[in-house]
Every structure is written in structure tokens, then in C-alpha cells.
C-alpha atoms as a PDB file:
ATOM      1  CA  MET A   1     106.261  53.795 136.096  1.00  0.00           C
ATOM      2  CA  ALA A   2     106.187  56.439 133.345  1.00  0.00           C
ATOM      3  CA  GLU A   3     103.829  59.329 133.903  1.00  0.00           C
ATOM      4  CA  GLN A   4     100.896  59.374 131.499  1.00  0.00           C
ATOM      5  CA  GLN A   5     101.191  62.195 129.015  1.00  0.00           C
ATOM      6  CA  GLY A   6      98.310  64.452 128.037  1.00  0.00           C
ATOM      7  CA  TRP A   7      97.402  65.127 124.432  1.00  0.00           C
ATOM      8  CA  ALA A   8      98.725  67.980 122.327  1.00  0.00           C
ATOM      9  CA  ARG A   9      97.769  70.006 119.279  1.00  0.00           C
ATOM     10  CA  ILE A  10     100.107  71.448 116.674  1.00  0.00           C
ATOM     11  CA  ALA A  11      99.939  75.030 115.430  1.00  0.00           C
ATOM     12  CA  SER A  12     101.812  77.018 112.803  1.00  0.00           C
ATOM     13  CA  ASP A  13     102.820  80.617 113.579  1.00  0.00           C
ATOM     14  CA  VAL A  14     104.383  83.022 111.091  1.00  0.00           C
ATOM     15  CA  VAL A  15     106.917  85.828 111.499  1.00  0.00           C
ATOM     16  CA  ALA A  16     106.129  87.773 108.299  1.00  0.00           C
ATOM     17  CA  LEU A  17     108.649  90.542 107.634  1.00  0.00           C
ATOM     18  CA  THR A  18     108.719  93.283 105.025  1.00  0.00           C
ATOM     19  CA  LEU A  19     110.116  96.768 104.553  1.00  0.00           C
ATOM     20  CA  ARG A  20     107.722  99.702 104.669  1.00  0.00           C
ATOM     21  CA  GLU A  21     109.090 103.211 104.210  1.00  0.00           C
ATOM     22  CA  GLY A  22     112.595 101.924 104.815  1.00  0.00           C
ATOM     23  CA  GLU A  23     111.790 100.284 108.172  1.00  0.00           C
ATOM     24  CA  LEU A  24     111.477  96.583 109.026  1.00  0.00           C
ATOM     25  CA  HIS A  25     107.880  95.638 109.890  1.00  0.00           C
ATOM     26  CA  VAL A  26     106.180  92.468 111.089  1.00  0.00           C
ATOM     27  CA  ALA A  27     102.573  91.409 110.533  1.00  0.00           C
ATOM     28  CA  LEU A  28     100.564  91.228 113.774  1.00  0.00           C
ATOM     29  CA  VAL A  29      96.927  90.304 114.337  1.00  0.00           C
ATOM     30  CA  LYS A  30      94.604  91.096 117.240  1.00  0.00           C
ATOM     31  CA  ARG A  31      93.038  87.839 118.379  1.00  0.00           C
ATOM     32  CA  LEU A  32      89.285  87.234 118.463  1.00  0.00           C
ATOM     33  CA  ALA A  33      89.544  83.606 119.591  1.00  0.00           C
ATOM     34  CA  SER A  34      88.871  82.926 123.271  1.00  0.00           C
ATOM     35  CA  ALA A  35      92.531  82.095 123.922  1.00  0.00           C
ATOM     36  CA  ALA A  36      94.357  85.400 124.465  1.00  0.00           C
ATOM     37  CA  ARG A  37      91.380  87.366 123.149  1.00  0.00           C
ATOM     38  CA  GLY A  38      92.246  90.993 122.395  1.00  0.00           C
ATOM     39  CA  ARG A  39      96.017  90.399 122.510  1.00  0.00           C
ATOM     40  CA  TRP A  40      98.346  91.089 119.613  1.00  0.00           C
ATOM     41  CA  ALA A  41      99.927  87.964 118.165  1.00  0.00           C
ATOM     42  CA  LEU A  42     101.733  86.558 115.182  1.00  0.00           C
ATOM     43  CA  PRO A  43      99.437  85.154 112.470  1.00  0.00           C
ATOM     44  CA  GLY A  44      98.852  81.457 113.020  1.00  0.00           C
ATOM     45  CA  GLY A  45      96.579  78.684 114.140  1.00  0.00           C
ATOM     46  CA  PHE A  46      96.033  74.955 114.437  1.00  0.00           C
ATOM     47  CA  LEU A  47      96.684  72.511 111.624  1.00  0.00           C
ATOM     48  CA  HIS A  48      93.730  70.976 109.820  1.00  0.00           C
ATOM     49  CA  ASP A  49      93.666  67.182 109.520  1.00  0.00           C
ATOM     50  CA  ASN A  50      94.456  67.279 105.798  1.00  0.00           C
ATOM     51  CA  GLU A  51      97.376  69.717 105.756  1.00  0.00           C
ATOM     52  CA  SER A  52     101.034  69.976 106.647  1.00  0.00           C
ATOM     53  CA  ALA A  53     102.504  72.579 108.997  1.00  0.00           C
ATOM     54  CA  GLU A  54     103.749  74.546 105.982  1.00  0.00           C
ATOM     55  CA  GLN A  55     100.339  74.485 104.299  1.00  0.00           C
ATOM     56  CA  ALA A  56      98.750  75.642 107.549  1.00  0.00           C
ATOM     57  CA  ALA A  57     101.209  78.540 107.778  1.00  0.00           C
ATOM     58  CA  TYR A  58     100.337  79.742 104.270  1.00  0.00           C
ATOM     59  CA  ARG A  59      96.598  79.326 104.954  1.00  0.00           C
ATOM     60  CA  GLU A  60      96.661  81.145 108.282  1.00  0.00           C
ATOM     61  CA  LEU A  61      98.721  83.978 106.827  1.00  0.00           C
ATOM     62  CA  ALA A  62      96.187  84.419 104.038  1.00  0.00           C
ATOM     63  CA  GLU A  63      93.132  84.033 106.290  1.00  0.00           C
ATOM     64  CA  GLU A  64      94.291  86.324 109.092  1.00  0.00           C
ATOM     65  CA  THR A  65      96.180  89.008 107.158  1.00  0.00           C
ATOM     66  CA  GLY A  66      94.971  88.712 103.559  1.00  0.00           C
ATOM     67  CA  LEU A  67      98.515  88.047 102.263  1.00  0.00           C
ATOM     68  CA  PRO A  68      98.414  85.454  99.451  1.00  0.00           C
ATOM     69  CA  ALA A  69     100.876  82.564  99.429  1.00  0.00           C
ATOM     70  CA  LYS A  70     102.478  83.714  96.175  1.00  0.00           C
ATOM     71  CA  SER A  71     103.554  86.992  97.804  1.00  0.00           C
ATOM     72  CA  VAL A  72     105.931  85.461 100.375  1.00  0.00           C
ATOM     73  CA  VAL A  73     108.891  83.122 100.681  1.00  0.00           C
ATOM     74  CA  LEU A  74     108.358  80.782 103.614  1.00  0.00           C
ATOM     75  CA  GLU A  75     110.999  78.857 105.556  1.00  0.00           C
ATOM     76  CA  GLN A  76     110.848  76.956 108.819  1.00  0.00           C
ATOM     77  CA  LEU A  77     112.208  78.911 111.775  1.00  0.00           C
ATOM     78  CA  ALA A  78     111.968  76.601 114.824  1.00  0.00           C
ATOM     79  CA  THR A  79     109.631  74.398 116.850  1.00  0.00           C
ATOM     80  CA  TYR A  80     108.448  75.617 120.253  1.00  0.00           C
ATOM     81  CA  THR A  81     107.522  72.883 122.730  1.00  0.00           C
ATOM     82  CA  ALA A  82     107.622  74.371 126.244  1.00  0.00           C
ATOM     83  CA  PRO A  83     104.881  72.616 128.285  1.00  0.00           C
ATOM     84  CA  LYS A  84     103.325  75.860 129.564  1.00  0.00           C
ATOM     85  CA  ARG A  85     103.785  78.052 126.482  1.00  0.00           C
ATOM     86  CA  ASP A  86      99.991  78.244 126.039  1.00  0.00           C
ATOM     87  CA  THR A  87      98.114  78.322 129.346  1.00  0.00           C
ATOM     88  CA  ASP A  88      94.723  79.157 127.817  1.00  0.00           C
ATOM     89  CA  HIS A  89      94.058  75.554 126.758  1.00  0.00           C
ATOM     90  CA  ASP A  90      93.786  72.386 128.812  1.00  0.00           C
ATOM     91  CA  TYR A  91      96.068  70.582 126.376  1.00  0.00           C
ATOM     92  CA  ARG A  92      99.622  71.136 125.252  1.00  0.00           C
ATOM     93  CA  VAL A  93     100.199  73.323 122.175  1.00  0.00           C
ATOM     94  CA  ILE A  94     103.292  72.782 120.051  1.00  0.00           C
ATOM     95  CA  SER A  95     104.095  75.519 117.535  1.00  0.00           C
ATOM     96  CA  VAL A  96     106.007  75.139 114.298  1.00  0.00           C
ATOM     97  CA  ALA A  97     107.149  78.677 113.534  1.00  0.00           C
ATOM     98  CA  TRP A  98     107.898  80.013 110.065  1.00  0.00           C
ATOM     99  CA  LEU A  99     109.734  83.010 108.690  1.00  0.00           C
ATOM    100  CA  ALA A 100     108.198  84.790 105.711  1.00  0.00           C
ATOM    101  CA  PHE A 101     109.692  87.738 103.869  1.00  0.00           C
ATOM    102  CA  ALA A 102     108.999  89.619 100.659  1.00  0.00           C
ATOM    103  CA  ALA A 103     109.365  92.998  99.016  1.00  0.00           C
ATOM    104  CA  ASP A 104     106.849  95.738  99.698  1.00  0.00           C
ATOM    105  CA  LEU A 105     104.016  93.488 100.857  1.00  0.00           C
ATOM    106  CA  PRO A 106     100.538  95.022 100.591  1.00  0.00           C
ATOM    107  CA  SER A 107      98.494  96.302 103.491  1.00  0.00           C
ATOM    108  CA  THR A 108      97.067  93.596 105.712  1.00  0.00           C
ATOM    109  CA  SER A 109      93.358  92.901 106.121  1.00  0.00           C
ATOM    110  CA  ALA A 110      91.910  91.046 109.103  1.00  0.00           C
ATOM    111  CA  GLY A 111      89.837  87.920 108.685  1.00  0.00           C
ATOM    112  CA  THR A 112      88.588  84.736 110.457  1.00  0.00           C
ATOM    113  CA  ASP A 113      89.637  84.992 114.127  1.00  0.00           C
ATOM    114  CA  ALA A 114      91.623  88.226 113.748  1.00  0.00           C
ATOM    115  CA  GLY A 115      89.981  91.428 114.946  1.00  0.00           C
ATOM    116  CA  ALA A 116      92.658  93.544 113.278  1.00  0.00           C
ATOM    117  CA  ALA A 117      95.784  92.992 111.218  1.00  0.00           C
ATOM    118  CA  GLU A 118      98.588  95.517 110.911  1.00  0.00           C
ATOM    119  CA  TRP A 119     102.162  95.950 109.799  1.00  0.00           C
ATOM    120  CA  VAL A 120     104.031  97.045 112.930  1.00  0.00           C
ATOM    121  CA  PRO A 121     107.673  98.230 113.159  1.00  0.00           C
ATOM    122  CA  VAL A 122     109.596  95.368 114.753  1.00  0.00           C
ATOM    123  CA  GLU A 123     110.957  97.447 117.624  1.00  0.00           C
ATOM    124  CA  GLU A 124     107.423  98.564 118.483  1.00  0.00           C
ATOM    125  CA  ALA A 125     106.158  94.987 118.187  1.00  0.00           C
ATOM    126  CA  LEU A 126     108.802  93.777 120.631  1.00  0.00           C
ATOM    127  CA  ARG A 127     107.524  96.279 123.198  1.00  0.00           C
ATOM    128  CA  LYS A 128     103.984  94.919 123.006  1.00  0.00           C
ATOM    129  CA  ARG A 129     102.633  92.265 125.369  1.00  0.00           C
ATOM    130  CA  LEU A 130     102.228  89.634 122.685  1.00  0.00           C
ATOM    131  CA  ALA A 131     100.137  86.502 123.179  1.00  0.00           C
ATOM    132  CA  PHE A 132     101.680  83.227 124.346  1.00  0.00           C
ATOM    133  CA  ASP A 133     105.454  83.134 123.643  1.00  0.00           C
ATOM    134  CA  HIS A 134     105.176  85.119 120.436  1.00  0.00           C
ATOM    135  CA  ARG A 135     107.659  87.761 121.585  1.00  0.00           C
ATOM    136  CA  THR A 136     110.281  85.007 121.827  1.00  0.00           C
ATOM    137  CA  ILE A 137     109.329  83.675 118.392  1.00  0.00           C
ATOM    138  CA  LEU A 138     109.487  87.197 116.958  1.00  0.00           C
ATOM    139  CA  ARG A 139     112.928  87.798 118.461  1.00  0.00           C
ATOM    140  CA  ASP A 140     114.151  84.516 116.988  1.00  0.00           C
ATOM    141  CA  GLY A 141     112.705  85.411 113.588  1.00  0.00           C
ATOM    142  CA  ILE A 142     114.375  88.824 113.533  1.00  0.00           C
ATOM    143  CA  GLU A 143     117.729  87.322 114.517  1.00  0.00           C
ATOM    144  CA  ARG A 144     117.376  84.651 111.824  1.00  0.00           C
ATOM    145  CA  ALA A 145     116.681  87.340 109.219  1.00  0.00           C
ATOM    146  CA  ARG A 146     119.670  89.369 110.395  1.00  0.00           C
ATOM    147  CA  ALA A 147     121.947  86.325 110.245  1.00  0.00           C
ATOM    148  CA  LYS A 148     120.700  85.256 106.815  1.00  0.00           C
ATOM    149  CA  LEU A 149     121.636  88.655 105.400  1.00  0.00           C
ATOM    150  CA  GLU A 150     125.228  87.848 106.312  1.00  0.00           C
ATOM    151  CA  TYR A 151     125.596  84.649 104.329  1.00  0.00           C
ATOM    152  CA  THR A 152     122.733  84.500 101.786  1.00  0.00           C
ATOM    153  CA  THR A 153     121.215  86.796  99.165  1.00  0.00           C
ATOM    154  CA  MET A 154     117.984  87.092 101.181  1.00  0.00           C
ATOM    155  CA  ALA A 155     118.268  90.898 101.108  1.00  0.00           C
ATOM    156  CA  THR A 156     117.156  90.881  97.474  1.00  0.00           C
ATOM    157  CA  ALA A 157     113.856  89.247  98.528  1.00  0.00           C
ATOM    158  CA  PHE A 158     112.928  92.553 100.181  1.00  0.00           C
ATOM    159  CA  LEU A 159     113.431  94.443  96.904  1.00  0.00           C
ATOM    160  CA  PRO A 160     111.728  94.661  93.523  1.00  0.00           C
ATOM    161  CA  GLU A 161     113.267  92.872  90.547  1.00  0.00           C
ATOM    162  CA  GLU A 162     115.450  95.888  89.734  1.00  0.00           C
ATOM    163  CA  PHE A 163     117.022  98.002  92.458  1.00  0.00           C
ATOM    164  CA  THR A 164     119.880 100.359  93.204  1.00  0.00           C
ATOM    165  CA  MET A 165     122.882  99.849  95.455  1.00  0.00           C
ATOM    166  CA  SER A 166     121.430 102.460  97.805  1.00  0.00           C
ATOM    167  CA  GLU A 167     118.189 100.462  98.083  1.00  0.00           C
ATOM    168  CA  LEU A 168     120.113  97.263  98.766  1.00  0.00           C
ATOM    169  CA  ARG A 169     122.097  99.025 101.477  1.00  0.00           C
ATOM    170  CA  GLY A 170     118.800 100.279 102.891  1.00  0.00           C
ATOM    171  CA  VAL A 171     117.672  96.686 103.430  1.00  0.00           C
ATOM    172  CA  TYR A 172     120.776  95.910 105.469  1.00  0.00           C
ATOM    173  CA  THR A 173     120.384  99.142 107.420  1.00  0.00           C
ATOM    174  CA  ALA A 174     116.739  98.390 108.239  1.00  0.00           C
ATOM    175  CA  VAL A 175     117.193  94.722 109.172  1.00  0.00           C
ATOM    176  CA  TRP A 176     120.475  95.089 111.050  1.00  0.00           C
ATOM    177  CA  GLY A 177     119.467  98.391 112.642  1.00  0.00           C
ATOM    178  CA  VAL A 178     122.810 100.070 111.886  1.00  0.00           C
ATOM    179  CA  GLU A 179     123.989 102.693 109.420  1.00  0.00           C
ATOM    180  CA  LEU A 180     126.465 101.394 106.822  1.00  0.00           C
ATOM    181  CA  ASP A 181     129.173 103.330 105.031  1.00  0.00           C
ATOM    182  CA  ALA A 182     128.065 103.623 101.395  1.00  0.00           C
ATOM    183  CA  ALA A 183     131.493 103.265  99.762  1.00  0.00           C
ATOM    184  CA  ASN A 184     132.528 100.336 101.940  1.00  0.00           C
ATOM    185  CA  PHE A 185     129.217  98.553 101.344  1.00  0.00           C
ATOM    186  CA  HIS A 186     129.496  99.108  97.582  1.00  0.00           C
ATOM    187  CA  ARG A 187     132.988  97.611  97.567  1.00  0.00           C
ATOM    188  CA  LYS A 188     131.986  94.571  99.616  1.00  0.00           C
ATOM    189  CA  VAL A 189     128.919  93.795  97.493  1.00  0.00           C
ATOM    190  CA  HIS A 190     130.916  93.895  94.259  1.00  0.00           C
ATOM    191  CA  SER A 191     133.617  91.669  95.786  1.00  0.00           C
ATOM    192  CA  ILE A 192     131.087  88.811  96.159  1.00  0.00           C
ATOM    193  CA  ALA A 193     130.769  86.953  92.865  1.00  0.00           C
ATOM    194  CA  GLY A 194     127.185  86.434  91.718  1.00  0.00           C
ATOM    195  CA  PHE A 195     125.533  88.549  94.426  1.00  0.00           C
ATOM    196  CA  VAL A 196     124.212  91.251  92.079  1.00  0.00           C
ATOM    197  CA  GLU A 197     124.611  92.090  88.417  1.00  0.00           C
ATOM    198  CA  GLU A 198     124.055  95.266  86.452  1.00  0.00           C
ATOM    199  CA  THR A 199     121.016  95.486  84.194  1.00  0.00           C
ATOM    200  CA  GLY A 200     122.565  97.969  81.780  1.00  0.00           C
ATOM    201  CA  TYR A 201     120.070 100.631  82.777  1.00  0.00           C
ATOM    202  CA  VAL A 202     120.129 103.561  85.174  1.00  0.00           C
ATOM    203  CA  ARG A 203     117.524 105.397  87.212  1.00  0.00           C
ATOM    204  CA  MET A 204     117.470 109.156  86.810  1.00  0.00           C
ATOM    205  CA  GLY A 205     117.086 111.309  89.906  1.00  0.00           C
ATOM    206  CA  ARG A 206     118.170 114.622  91.365  1.00  0.00           C
ATOM    207  CA  GLY A 207     121.814 113.600  91.541  1.00  0.00           C
ATOM    208  CA  ARG A 208     123.887 111.427  89.265  1.00  0.00           C
ATOM    209  CA  PRO A 209     122.099 108.465  87.619  1.00  0.00           C
ATOM    210  CA  ALA A 210     121.935 105.330  89.762  1.00  0.00           C
ATOM    211  CA  THR A 211     122.898 102.006  88.204  1.00  0.00           C
ATOM    212  CA  LEU A 212     120.060  99.500  88.260  1.00  0.00           C
ATOM    213  CA  LEU A 213     120.939  96.052  89.597  1.00  0.00           C
ATOM    214  CA  ARG A 214     119.236  92.679  89.816  1.00  0.00           C
ATOM    215  CA  ALA A 215     119.894  89.577  91.903  1.00  0.00           C
ATOM    216  CA  GLY A 216     122.708  87.396  90.610  1.00  0.00           C
ATOM    217  CA  GLU A 217     122.755  83.633  90.313  1.00  0.00           C
ATOM    218  CA  THR A 218     124.372  82.772  93.651  1.00  0.00           C
ATOM    219  CA  LYS A 219     122.346  82.070  96.773  1.00  0.00           C
ATOM    220  CA  LEU A 220     125.219  81.930  99.297  1.00  0.00           C
ATOM    221  CA  LEU A 221     127.590  84.835  99.885  1.00  0.00           C
ATOM    222  CA  GLN A 222     131.280  83.963  99.678  1.00  0.00           C
ATOM    223  CA  PRO A 223     132.811  85.660 101.549  1.00  0.00           C
ATOM    224  CA  PRO A 224     129.936  86.490 103.906  1.00  0.00           C
ATOM    225  CA  LEU A 225     128.846  90.089 104.397  1.00  0.00           C
ATOM    226  CA  LEU A 226     129.310  90.354 108.153  1.00  0.00           C
ATOM    227  CA  ARG A 227     127.649  92.797 110.539  1.00  0.00           C
END
């Protein structure tokens, strides 16, 4: 005879990444809700009856951190279904996790059930005792972002519309956590058709003028830009 299963609720949790002062940061909130009260966590919460998991992710991100939907690109990361991943409720909680990333996102502002909301360097965030299994979700989100930089043009999502080669290299340095040789990086980027294109303008600085670039038409890097 099959064992009777208890009921479950579905939540959406968001790994929101951005660059601040050249370092990869993630949005964290300090929980006010009774479950894991006072613990740092990824923005997220339960789905409403009239919304999808994606809609819930956008809503929770806006409600808990003040980041509007139009400021981020959202993609599904994974679904987390371990029976004991949330021990603060008497029912099972299944989380649909999302990865959000954008250029120079504004400061966060806490709301609803968040006592605080902050951009935290990812390495510092991984050292925190995050609520539930959010450290695992965060690790998975960071690895997904690192992998996507290899084979997609996602790096340009962390930059303004016009950028320099040095700024593009800075994205890879921050996300991958390694220093890259400038000349070698420059050569590889220009060997990938449609990755970037020149705007015809330069940015003046202390040294020689820097060519301004913009994202090209391709979305997949061929060949990939490997770590």
C-alpha cells in the first residue's frame, strides 16, 4: 500500500546578481517571517493563487528588495524538492529558483517580510548561515552565471549599452574570480563573430582613448570563451 503523501506549497526564490564596484554581488534579505526569522536569505516567497512561478519571482524581488521587474533579466535556474529542505513548516516546500542579472542595479530597499535588504559580495554571502538551502541555491546560481559567460553573451547584461573592452573583461574577472590577460582576452573576443561591435566612438581618459563597444547580434558564442 502506497504511503499517503502530505501536502506541499510552492515558492519562488531568486539569485539576483549584479556588479558593484567591479565585484559580483547578490541580493540578500533578512527575514521577518516566523520561518527562519532573522536569518539572511535569497529574496522569495510562496506563489499566490493567480500567478505563475515566474510572476511570483518578479513580485517577490520587487516587494522584498525594491528592484522593479524591468531592471532584471530572469531565467529559471532549478527546482529544489528535498523533503526536509524547509523544516520550519509542517508541510513540504518546493522551490522554483530563478537567476536574475543586470547592469549596475540600484541599491536595495527592504519591504513586506524583509527586515533588511542588501547587496552582498558573493564570497561573503557564501560564508553566511543562509536560511533553508539557500546557500546551495546561491552556489548553483553562481556556477550557472559562470558557465553562461563561456557560451553566451550574458556578460553584456552586466554592462551599460556602451562599454569598453576593459569593462567587458572586468565582468569576466568578477564573475569567474580570475585575472585575465588583456591582450589575449581582446583577441578572443574579436575572434567571435557578432559578440561585440564598435560604436564608432571612443572614451577619453588618462591614457589612450578607449574604443566604445556595444553588444552584437549573436546570443551564443562560437567558439565558446572558456575559463
